[in-house]
Every structure is written in C-alpha cells, then in structure tokens.
Amino acid sequence: MTEPFKYLNTIDISEILQVFKTKITENDWLEDTSRSETFDVHKDTHMIKILWDINFTGERHERNYSLFNFDKVIKNLTDVYKLHYKDGEVIRALFVRLKEHSQIPEHVDAGAGLETCHRTHIPIITNEENLFKVGPEVKHLKPGEVWEIDNTMTHAVRNMSGEPRIHLIVDYMERL
C-alpha cells in the first residue's frame, strides 16, 4: 500500500458494542498481557484475543470468538474486503484498548506476516480526542469505519481523552 490510510467501508458494530457493555470485564482485558509486555510501544494497551498469539499464528480463542459471534463479523468484513482485494482470509484479529490519556509511540510493524497482509482498523469505542497518525497524515477514525493502514510506514496513536479507546484490528491475507 502506498497511501497511509485507505477507507474501505463501514460495518454495523452494534452487536460488538453490546458484548462490551454486558459481557466483558476488566479481567477479560487482563487475561493475556503478552502483547503489552513484549512490545514496549504497546505498554499502554490491553487486548482481547480472537485470532491471535504472540507468534502471530492466528490461534483461535474459542470463548472470545463465540462471545463476539466472530463468524458473522468475518462475513461482514469479508464482504468489505472483497470490494478492494483479491480472495483471501482473515488471519489475525484482536480487540485493542488504549488507556485514557496515553499513546502508542511512533513505530513500524516488522516481520513478513505483518508486511504482506492488509492491516485494518475498525474503531469500536472512540471519540474525537483519539488521533491516529500514519506517515504524515493524522485522522480521527469513527466507530464502525473500516480503514486499512500502511503499517510499513511510521505510525502512532494518541488518546487525549478521559476514556479508553477500543479498536478491532484485523489482518486480511490475499491468496496467491
């Protein structure tokens, strides 16, 4: 990808929001801290794994996958991806919460698996005080919007608000 941000479409996130409101606890966010402990730039984040593990193999986490009805989420996202990309599959997915009044410093995602997929962000809970910078561009991404970011460019996030920001991060890999 040669542009910092690429808007793909919008999806309905109402069912996802309902799960966060009624079924997700602080313990769910703290269940696995390997990402924030391994990658210093992510020290102010917590995650809920759907298809993810520290080695980026896309291990399926059954409880979370079922809780969020992720087959439906993947179907909705695949409908969006097919408008922009070749046939492929979702290889990684996780919810990431950035703490209030914190940031993810500038960094570049490295590794073949991260450089060859389409990295997309879908804001779930956010507000205008959350800014995402990729390359020279800075944007506020609105809830439900599906954005591909060029994660091979320097990127960073700043949450200047008093509430956590939650994004669904999904990696889509085209078949060769």
C-alpha atoms as a PDB file:
ATOM      1  CA  MET A   1       0.000   0.000   0.000  1.00  0.00           C
ATOM      2  CA  THR A   2       1.364   3.402  -0.865  1.00  0.00           C
ATOM      3  CA  GLU A   3      -1.093   5.624   0.958  1.00  0.00           C
ATOM      4  CA  PRO A   4      -1.126   5.985   4.757  1.00  0.00           C
ATOM      5  CA  PHE A   5      -4.890   5.405   5.166  1.00  0.00           C
ATOM      6  CA  LYS A   6      -7.407   3.753   2.861  1.00  0.00           C
ATOM      7  CA  TYR A   7     -11.090   3.969   3.762  1.00  0.00           C
ATOM      8  CA  LEU A   8     -12.834   0.705   2.831  1.00  0.00           C
ATOM      9  CA  ASN A   9     -16.401   0.975   4.143  1.00  0.00           C
ATOM     10  CA  THR A  10     -18.459   0.939   7.346  1.00  0.00           C
ATOM     11  CA  ILE A  11     -19.829  -2.075   9.221  1.00  0.00           C
ATOM     12  CA  ASP A  12     -22.516  -2.375  11.873  1.00  0.00           C
ATOM     13  CA  ILE A  13     -20.781  -2.696  15.256  1.00  0.00           C
ATOM     14  CA  SER A  14     -23.907  -2.652  17.435  1.00  0.00           C
ATOM     15  CA  GLU A  15     -23.616  -6.348  18.425  1.00  0.00           C
ATOM     16  CA  ILE A  16     -19.932  -5.920  19.289  1.00  0.00           C
ATOM     17  CA  LEU A  17     -20.749  -2.884  21.451  1.00  0.00           C
ATOM     18  CA  GLN A  18     -23.450  -4.860  23.230  1.00  0.00           C
ATOM     19  CA  VAL A  19     -20.927  -7.580  24.148  1.00  0.00           C
ATOM     20  CA  PHE A  20     -18.558  -4.958  25.542  1.00  0.00           C
ATOM     21  CA  LYS A  21     -21.367  -3.398  27.584  1.00  0.00           C
ATOM     22  CA  THR A  22     -22.774  -6.634  29.010  1.00  0.00           C
ATOM     23  CA  LYS A  23     -20.153  -9.386  28.994  1.00  0.00           C
ATOM     24  CA  ILE A  24     -16.594  -8.032  29.010  1.00  0.00           C
ATOM     25  CA  THR A  25     -14.918  -7.366  32.351  1.00  0.00           C
ATOM     26  CA  GLU A  26     -11.583  -5.896  33.347  1.00  0.00           C
ATOM     27  CA  ASN A  27     -10.359  -9.463  33.911  1.00  0.00           C
ATOM     28  CA  ASP A  28     -11.014 -10.214  30.235  1.00  0.00           C
ATOM     29  CA  TRP A  29      -8.689  -7.354  29.268  1.00  0.00           C
ATOM     30  CA  LEU A  30      -6.004  -8.572  31.696  1.00  0.00           C
ATOM     31  CA  GLU A  31      -6.226 -12.264  30.791  1.00  0.00           C
ATOM     32  CA  ASP A  32      -3.232 -12.100  28.428  1.00  0.00           C
ATOM     33  CA  THR A  33      -0.730  -9.258  28.752  1.00  0.00           C
ATOM     34  CA  SER A  34       1.922 -10.789  26.483  1.00  0.00           C
ATOM     35  CA  ARG A  35       1.494  -8.171  23.741  1.00  0.00           C
ATOM     36  CA  SER A  36       1.883  -5.177  26.063  1.00  0.00           C
ATOM     37  CA  GLU A  37       4.737  -6.841  27.945  1.00  0.00           C
ATOM     38  CA  THR A  38       6.608  -7.964  24.812  1.00  0.00           C
ATOM     39  CA  PHE A  39       6.275  -4.827  22.698  1.00  0.00           C
ATOM     40  CA  ASP A  40       7.198  -1.674  24.625  1.00  0.00           C
ATOM     41  CA  VAL A  41       5.263   0.575  22.227  1.00  0.00           C
ATOM     42  CA  HIS A  42       2.085  -1.256  23.311  1.00  0.00           C
ATOM     43  CA  LYS A  43       2.665  -0.914  27.067  1.00  0.00           C
ATOM     44  CA  ASP A  44      -0.441   1.311  27.438  1.00  0.00           C
ATOM     45  CA  THR A  45      -2.695  -1.188  25.697  1.00  0.00           C
ATOM     46  CA  HIS A  46      -4.618  -4.322  26.617  1.00  0.00           C
ATOM     47  CA  MET A  47      -6.058  -6.886  24.252  1.00  0.00           C
ATOM     48  CA  ILE A  48      -8.804  -9.415  23.857  1.00  0.00           C
ATOM     49  CA  LYS A  49      -7.639 -12.126  21.502  1.00  0.00           C
ATOM     50  CA  ILE A  50      -9.903 -13.523  18.810  1.00  0.00           C
ATOM     51  CA  LEU A  51      -7.423 -14.977  16.282  1.00  0.00           C
ATOM     52  CA  TRP A  52      -4.005 -14.141  17.702  1.00  0.00           C
ATOM     53  CA  ASP A  53      -1.000 -15.295  19.653  1.00  0.00           C
ATOM     54  CA  ILE A  54       2.403 -13.827  20.411  1.00  0.00           C
ATOM     55  CA  ASN A  55       3.955 -15.649  17.406  1.00  0.00           C
ATOM     56  CA  PHE A  56       1.307 -14.244  15.027  1.00  0.00           C
ATOM     57  CA  THR A  57      -0.060 -17.648  14.020  1.00  0.00           C
ATOM     58  CA  GLY A  58      -3.697 -16.654  14.330  1.00  0.00           C
ATOM     59  CA  GLU A  59      -4.619 -19.128  17.054  1.00  0.00           C
ATOM     60  CA  ARG A  60      -8.376 -19.154  17.568  1.00  0.00           C
ATOM     61  CA  HIS A  61      -9.570 -18.285  21.070  1.00  0.00           C
ATOM     62  CA  GLU A  62     -12.873 -20.129  21.267  1.00  0.00           C
ATOM     63  CA  ARG A  63     -14.524 -18.248  24.138  1.00  0.00           C
ATOM     64  CA  ASN A  64     -13.894 -14.795  22.665  1.00  0.00           C
ATOM     65  CA  TYR A  65     -14.602 -15.963  19.121  1.00  0.00           C
ATOM     66  CA  SER A  66     -18.016 -17.263  20.188  1.00  0.00           C
ATOM     67  CA  LEU A  67     -18.777 -14.371  22.539  1.00  0.00           C
ATOM     68  CA  PHE A  68     -18.422 -11.845  19.712  1.00  0.00           C
ATOM     69  CA  ASN A  69     -20.141 -14.115  17.129  1.00  0.00           C
ATOM     70  CA  PHE A  70     -16.985 -13.719  15.077  1.00  0.00           C
ATOM     71  CA  ASP A  71     -18.167 -15.853  12.150  1.00  0.00           C
ATOM     72  CA  LYS A  72     -20.682 -13.064  11.475  1.00  0.00           C
ATOM     73  CA  VAL A  73     -18.040 -10.350  11.952  1.00  0.00           C
ATOM     74  CA  ILE A  74     -15.713 -12.129   9.496  1.00  0.00           C
ATOM     75  CA  LYS A  75     -18.524 -12.496   6.956  1.00  0.00           C
ATOM     76  CA  ASN A  76     -19.321  -8.769   7.177  1.00  0.00           C
ATOM     77  CA  LEU A  77     -15.660  -7.815   6.892  1.00  0.00           C
ATOM     78  CA  THR A  78     -15.008 -10.273   4.051  1.00  0.00           C
ATOM     79  CA  ASP A  79     -17.842  -8.644   2.095  1.00  0.00           C
ATOM     80  CA  VAL A  80     -15.978  -5.341   2.508  1.00  0.00           C
ATOM     81  CA  TYR A  81     -12.552  -6.819   1.707  1.00  0.00           C
ATOM     82  CA  LYS A  82     -13.804  -8.457  -1.492  1.00  0.00           C
ATOM     83  CA  LEU A  83     -14.634  -4.989  -2.841  1.00  0.00           C
ATOM     84  CA  HIS A  84     -10.973  -3.964  -2.553  1.00  0.00           C
ATOM     85  CA  TYR A  85      -8.784  -7.081  -2.526  1.00  0.00           C
ATOM     86  CA  LYS A  86      -8.360 -10.477  -4.122  1.00  0.00           C
ATOM     87  CA  ASP A  87      -9.902 -13.545  -2.491  1.00  0.00           C
ATOM     88  CA  GLY A  88      -8.298 -14.313   0.851  1.00  0.00           C
ATOM     89  CA  GLU A  89      -8.930 -14.857   4.528  1.00  0.00           C
ATOM     90  CA  VAL A  90      -8.790 -13.205   7.923  1.00  0.00           C
ATOM     91  CA  ILE A  91      -5.569 -14.455   9.524  1.00  0.00           C
ATOM     92  CA  ARG A  92      -5.460 -12.394  12.744  1.00  0.00           C
ATOM     93  CA  ALA A  93      -7.964 -10.432  14.803  1.00  0.00           C
ATOM     94  CA  LEU A  94      -7.885  -8.830  18.225  1.00  0.00           C
ATOM     95  CA  PHE A  95      -9.529  -6.023  20.142  1.00  0.00           C
ATOM     96  CA  VAL A  96      -7.049  -3.488  21.483  1.00  0.00           C
ATOM     97  CA  ARG A  97      -7.844  -0.999  24.232  1.00  0.00           C
ATOM     98  CA  LEU A  98      -5.627   2.059  24.566  1.00  0.00           C
ATOM     99  CA  LYS A  99      -5.740   3.586  28.052  1.00  0.00           C
ATOM    100  CA  GLU A 100      -7.113   7.072  28.591  1.00  0.00           C
ATOM    101  CA  HIS A 101      -4.575   9.933  28.365  1.00  0.00           C
ATOM    102  CA  SER A 102      -1.951   7.691  26.746  1.00  0.00           C
ATOM    103  CA  GLN A 103      -0.335   6.898  23.447  1.00  0.00           C
ATOM    104  CA  ILE A 104       1.233   4.303  21.228  1.00  0.00           C
ATOM    105  CA  PRO A 105       4.547   5.898  20.180  1.00  0.00           C
ATOM    106  CA  GLU A 106       5.730   6.033  16.596  1.00  0.00           C
ATOM    107  CA  HIS A 107       6.805   2.648  15.281  1.00  0.00           C
ATOM    108  CA  VAL A 108       6.796   0.446  12.177  1.00  0.00           C
ATOM    109  CA  ASP A 109       5.366  -3.071  12.191  1.00  0.00           C
ATOM    110  CA  ALA A 110       8.056  -5.536  11.138  1.00  0.00           C
ATOM    111  CA  GLY A 111       8.007  -9.129  10.016  1.00  0.00           C
ATOM    112  CA  ALA A 112       6.912 -10.825   6.814  1.00  0.00           C
ATOM    113  CA  GLY A 113       3.459 -11.678   8.160  1.00  0.00           C
ATOM    114  CA  LEU A 114       2.746  -8.049   9.030  1.00  0.00           C
ATOM    115  CA  GLU A 115       4.253  -6.613   5.857  1.00  0.00           C
ATOM    116  CA  THR A 116       2.288  -8.788   3.417  1.00  0.00           C
ATOM    117  CA  CYS A 117      -1.222  -8.610   4.868  1.00  0.00           C
ATOM    118  CA  HIS A 118      -3.792  -5.848   4.751  1.00  0.00           C
ATOM    119  CA  ARG A 119      -3.893  -4.426   8.297  1.00  0.00           C
ATOM    120  CA  THR A 120      -7.307  -2.946   9.019  1.00  0.00           C
ATOM    121  CA  HIS A 121      -8.610  -1.000  11.994  1.00  0.00           C
ATOM    122  CA  ILE A 122     -12.274  -0.794  12.939  1.00  0.00           C
ATOM    123  CA  PRO A 123     -12.906   1.693  15.756  1.00  0.00           C
ATOM    124  CA  ILE A 124     -15.397   0.332  18.283  1.00  0.00           C
ATOM    125  CA  ILE A 125     -15.235   2.899  21.102  1.00  0.00           C
ATOM    126  CA  THR A 126     -13.551   6.209  20.315  1.00  0.00           C
ATOM    127  CA  ASN A 127     -14.044   9.946  20.294  1.00  0.00           C
ATOM    128  CA  GLU A 128     -12.589  12.972  18.537  1.00  0.00           C
ATOM    129  CA  GLU A 129      -9.740  13.194  21.051  1.00  0.00           C
ATOM    130  CA  ASN A 130      -8.284   9.965  19.624  1.00  0.00           C
ATOM    131  CA  LEU A 131      -5.907  10.620  16.756  1.00  0.00           C
ATOM    132  CA  PHE A 132      -4.199   8.061  14.536  1.00  0.00           C
ATOM    133  CA  LYS A 133      -1.071   9.109  12.637  1.00  0.00           C
ATOM    134  CA  VAL A 134       0.288   7.118   9.697  1.00  0.00           C
ATOM    135  CA  GLY A 135       3.188   8.676   7.814  1.00  0.00           C
ATOM    136  CA  PRO A 136       2.414  12.394   7.557  1.00  0.00           C
ATOM    137  CA  GLU A 137      -1.379  12.021   7.893  1.00  0.00           C
ATOM    138  CA  VAL A 138      -3.390  12.336  11.104  1.00  0.00           C
ATOM    139  CA  LYS A 139      -7.014  11.224  11.309  1.00  0.00           C
ATOM    140  CA  HIS A 140      -9.789  10.552  13.775  1.00  0.00           C
ATOM    141  CA  LEU A 141     -11.365   7.235  12.760  1.00  0.00           C
ATOM    142  CA  LYS A 142     -15.082   6.981  13.503  1.00  0.00           C
ATOM    143  CA  PRO A 143     -16.847   3.962  15.056  1.00  0.00           C
ATOM    144  CA  GLY A 144     -17.640   1.223  12.562  1.00  0.00           C
ATOM    145  CA  GLU A 145     -15.418   2.577   9.798  1.00  0.00           C
ATOM    146  CA  VAL A 146     -13.057   0.046   8.220  1.00  0.00           C
ATOM    147  CA  TRP A 147      -9.657   1.544   7.447  1.00  0.00           C
ATOM    148  CA  GLU A 148      -6.571  -0.103   6.042  1.00  0.00           C
ATOM    149  CA  ILE A 149      -3.409   1.460   7.378  1.00  0.00           C
ATOM    150  CA  ASP A 150       0.025   1.142   5.844  1.00  0.00           C
ATOM    151  CA  ASN A 151       1.738  -0.423   8.839  1.00  0.00           C
ATOM    152  CA  THR A 152       5.084  -0.372   6.992  1.00  0.00           C
ATOM    153  CA  MET A 153       5.017   3.417   7.472  1.00  0.00           C
ATOM    154  CA  THR A 154       5.755   5.016  10.814  1.00  0.00           C
ATOM    155  CA  HIS A 155       2.500   5.175  12.765  1.00  0.00           C
ATOM    156  CA  ALA A 156       1.325   6.228  16.211  1.00  0.00           C
ATOM    157  CA  VAL A 157      -1.851   6.795  18.218  1.00  0.00           C
ATOM    158  CA  ARG A 158      -2.698   9.406  20.821  1.00  0.00           C
ATOM    159  CA  ASN A 159      -5.686   9.146  23.155  1.00  0.00           C
ATOM    160  CA  MET A 160      -6.079  12.557  24.755  1.00  0.00           C
ATOM    161  CA  SER A 161      -9.489  11.727  26.230  1.00  0.00           C
ATOM    162  CA  GLY A 162     -10.508  10.535  29.663  1.00  0.00           C
ATOM    163  CA  GLU A 163     -11.843   7.217  28.382  1.00  0.00           C
ATOM    164  CA  PRO A 164     -10.225   4.163  26.792  1.00  0.00           C
ATOM    165  CA  ARG A 165     -10.237   3.759  23.021  1.00  0.00           C
ATOM    166  CA  ILE A 166     -11.048   0.312  21.559  1.00  0.00           C
ATOM    167  CA  HIS A 167     -10.241  -0.831  18.032  1.00  0.00           C
ATOM    168  CA  LEU A 168     -10.740  -4.156  16.333  1.00  0.00           C
ATOM    169  CA  ILE A 169      -7.545  -4.897  14.399  1.00  0.00           C
ATOM    170  CA  VAL A 170      -7.916  -7.423  11.602  1.00  0.00           C
ATOM    171  CA  ASP A 171      -5.277  -8.744   9.204  1.00  0.00           C
ATOM    172  CA  TYR A 172      -6.535  -9.972   5.839  1.00  0.00           C
ATOM    173  CA  MET A 173      -4.244 -12.037   3.626  1.00  0.00           C
ATOM    174  CA  GLU A 174      -4.909 -12.402  -0.088  1.00  0.00           C
ATOM    175  CA  ARG A 175      -4.449 -15.876  -1.572  1.00  0.00           C
ATOM    176  CA  LEU A 176      -1.637 -16.140  -4.093  1.00  0.00           C
END
